[in-house]
Amino acid sequence: MSGLVGKVIDIGGDRYRVLAVAFHPVIRMGSSPTWHFLVETSDGQIREIRSEFLSGYGKEIRIVGDEW
């Protein structure tokens, strides 16, 4: 996933530039491993997106490339 840093991704029609990626393994029973993406929106805002929220909404990450 570190290959995503600097790439533009599409999630449900919204595009983001990936600034950092982190992985949190399962720590306690009943928890799921989670990917965390620190992203920049096209208008310059910084957001965190967690993989657990993507799967809950049936969304997937699509790599667009290097340009918006």
C-alpha atoms as a PDB file:
ATOM      1  CA  MET A   1       0.000   0.000   0.000  1.00  0.00           C
ATOM      2  CA  SER A   2       2.941   2.369   0.432  1.00  0.00           C
ATOM      3  CA  GLY A   3       3.018   2.545  -3.375  1.00  0.00           C
ATOM      4  CA  LEU A   4      -0.157   4.623  -3.112  1.00  0.00           C
ATOM      5  CA  VAL A   5       1.607   7.624  -1.539  1.00  0.00           C
ATOM      6  CA  GLY A   6       1.488  10.499  -4.019  1.00  0.00           C
ATOM      7  CA  LYS A   7      -1.134   8.780  -6.195  1.00  0.00           C
ATOM      8  CA  VAL A   8      -4.629  10.055  -6.899  1.00  0.00           C
ATOM      9  CA  ILE A   9      -7.371   7.620  -5.888  1.00  0.00           C
ATOM     10  CA  ASP A  10     -11.103   7.577  -6.572  1.00  0.00           C
ATOM     11  CA  ILE A  11     -13.555   6.508  -3.880  1.00  0.00           C
ATOM     12  CA  GLY A  12     -17.188   6.582  -4.935  1.00  0.00           C
ATOM     13  CA  GLY A  13     -16.583   9.346  -7.483  1.00  0.00           C
ATOM     14  CA  ASP A  14     -14.526  11.561  -5.145  1.00  0.00           C
ATOM     15  CA  ARG A  15     -10.811  11.995  -5.866  1.00  0.00           C
ATOM     16  CA  TYR A  16      -8.044  12.291  -3.290  1.00  0.00           C
ATOM     17  CA  ARG A  17      -4.234  12.498  -3.339  1.00  0.00           C
ATOM     18  CA  VAL A  18      -2.734  10.006  -0.863  1.00  0.00           C
ATOM     19  CA  LEU A  19      -0.306  11.627   1.593  1.00  0.00           C
ATOM     20  CA  ALA A  20       0.302   8.664   3.921  1.00  0.00           C
ATOM     21  CA  VAL A  21      -0.901   5.120   4.560  1.00  0.00           C
ATOM     22  CA  ALA A  22      -0.884   3.252   7.883  1.00  0.00           C
ATOM     23  CA  PHE A  23      -2.046  -0.216   8.909  1.00  0.00           C
ATOM     24  CA  HIS A  24      -3.439  -1.134  12.326  1.00  0.00           C
ATOM     25  CA  PRO A  25      -3.608  -4.892  12.952  1.00  0.00           C
ATOM     26  CA  VAL A  26      -6.249  -6.532  15.118  1.00  0.00           C
ATOM     27  CA  ILE A  27      -5.546  -5.583  18.728  1.00  0.00           C
ATOM     28  CA  ARG A  28      -8.557  -6.972  20.553  1.00  0.00           C
ATOM     29  CA  MET A  29     -11.104  -9.709  19.944  1.00  0.00           C
ATOM     30  CA  GLY A  30     -13.863  -8.669  17.587  1.00  0.00           C
ATOM     31  CA  SER A  31     -11.802  -5.941  15.927  1.00  0.00           C
ATOM     32  CA  SER A  32     -10.809  -5.951  12.276  1.00  0.00           C
ATOM     33  CA  PRO A  33      -7.506  -4.807  10.808  1.00  0.00           C
ATOM     34  CA  THR A  34      -7.836  -1.289   9.424  1.00  0.00           C
ATOM     35  CA  TRP A  35      -6.033   0.694   6.745  1.00  0.00           C
ATOM     36  CA  HIS A  36      -5.832   4.443   7.385  1.00  0.00           C
ATOM     37  CA  PHE A  37      -5.323   6.847   4.488  1.00  0.00           C
ATOM     38  CA  LEU A  38      -4.289  10.460   5.056  1.00  0.00           C
ATOM     39  CA  VAL A  39      -5.474  12.234   1.916  1.00  0.00           C
ATOM     40  CA  GLU A  40      -5.720  15.689   0.373  1.00  0.00           C
ATOM     41  CA  THR A  41      -8.928  16.714  -1.386  1.00  0.00           C
ATOM     42  CA  SER A  42      -8.910  18.644  -4.664  1.00  0.00           C
ATOM     43  CA  ASP A  43      -9.625  21.856  -2.715  1.00  0.00           C
ATOM     44  CA  GLY A  44      -6.635  21.354  -0.389  1.00  0.00           C
ATOM     45  CA  GLN A  45      -8.346  19.931   2.710  1.00  0.00           C
ATOM     46  CA  ILE A  46      -6.661  17.094   4.626  1.00  0.00           C
ATOM     47  CA  ARG A  47      -8.816  14.108   5.670  1.00  0.00           C
ATOM     48  CA  GLU A  48      -8.430  10.638   7.122  1.00  0.00           C
ATOM     49  CA  ILE A  49     -10.249   7.767   5.459  1.00  0.00           C
ATOM     50  CA  ARG A  50     -10.453   4.348   7.140  1.00  0.00           C
ATOM     51  CA  SER A  51     -10.927   1.104   5.264  1.00  0.00           C
ATOM     52  CA  GLU A  52     -13.602  -0.055   7.718  1.00  0.00           C
ATOM     53  CA  PHE A  53     -15.882   2.791   6.584  1.00  0.00           C
ATOM     54  CA  LEU A  54     -15.342   1.974   2.909  1.00  0.00           C
ATOM     55  CA  SER A  55     -16.446  -1.636   3.258  1.00  0.00           C
ATOM     56  CA  GLY A  56     -19.464  -0.588   5.319  1.00  0.00           C
ATOM     57  CA  TYR A  57     -20.699   1.576   2.458  1.00  0.00           C
ATOM     58  CA  GLY A  58     -19.790  -0.869  -0.310  1.00  0.00           C
ATOM     59  CA  LYS A  59     -17.169   1.496  -1.746  1.00  0.00           C
ATOM     60  CA  GLU A  60     -13.818   0.548  -3.175  1.00  0.00           C
ATOM     61  CA  ILE A  61     -10.586   2.381  -3.885  1.00  0.00           C
ATOM     62  CA  ARG A  62      -9.619   2.841  -7.524  1.00  0.00           C
ATOM     63  CA  ILE A  63      -6.161   4.177  -8.418  1.00  0.00           C
ATOM     64  CA  VAL A  64      -6.499   7.001 -10.964  1.00  0.00           C
ATOM     65  CA  GLY A  65      -2.809   7.862 -11.391  1.00  0.00           C
ATOM     66  CA  ASP A  66      -0.622  10.882 -10.704  1.00  0.00           C
ATOM     67  CA  GLU A  67      -2.909  13.678 -11.972  1.00  0.00           C
ATOM     68  CA  TRP A  68      -6.229  14.984 -10.641  1.00  0.00           C
END
